[in-house]
Amino acid sequence: MDWRPRGYEISAKGLVCALCDSSTDEHKMLMAATNGSIELFARKNSWNAFLWLMMNTLKVDGKPVYSPQELGALKDSLPIVWV
């Protein structure tokens, strides 16, 4: 029998909350997805919004804090199905 956990969609705003504020419900959902209790889905443009935010707001001496490679590794490590 094929079993899958209940799935939820997370928005761009929810993605930012999940990754930047550990006191939010979105972060709790991300942790639940990490241990396989739920499955998270997000639209690809949600990642693009998060990426834009990181590259354009988190800067030191005018340069982004995170490299594109680091952000790519973060995306790959998230327990999110990108649709």
Foldseek 3Di string as FASTA:
>chain_A
DDDAAAEDEAELVLVCCLVPPCVDPSVVVQVCLVVRNYAYEYEPVSLVVVVCCQQPPCDDPRGGPDDPVRSVVVVVPGRYHYD
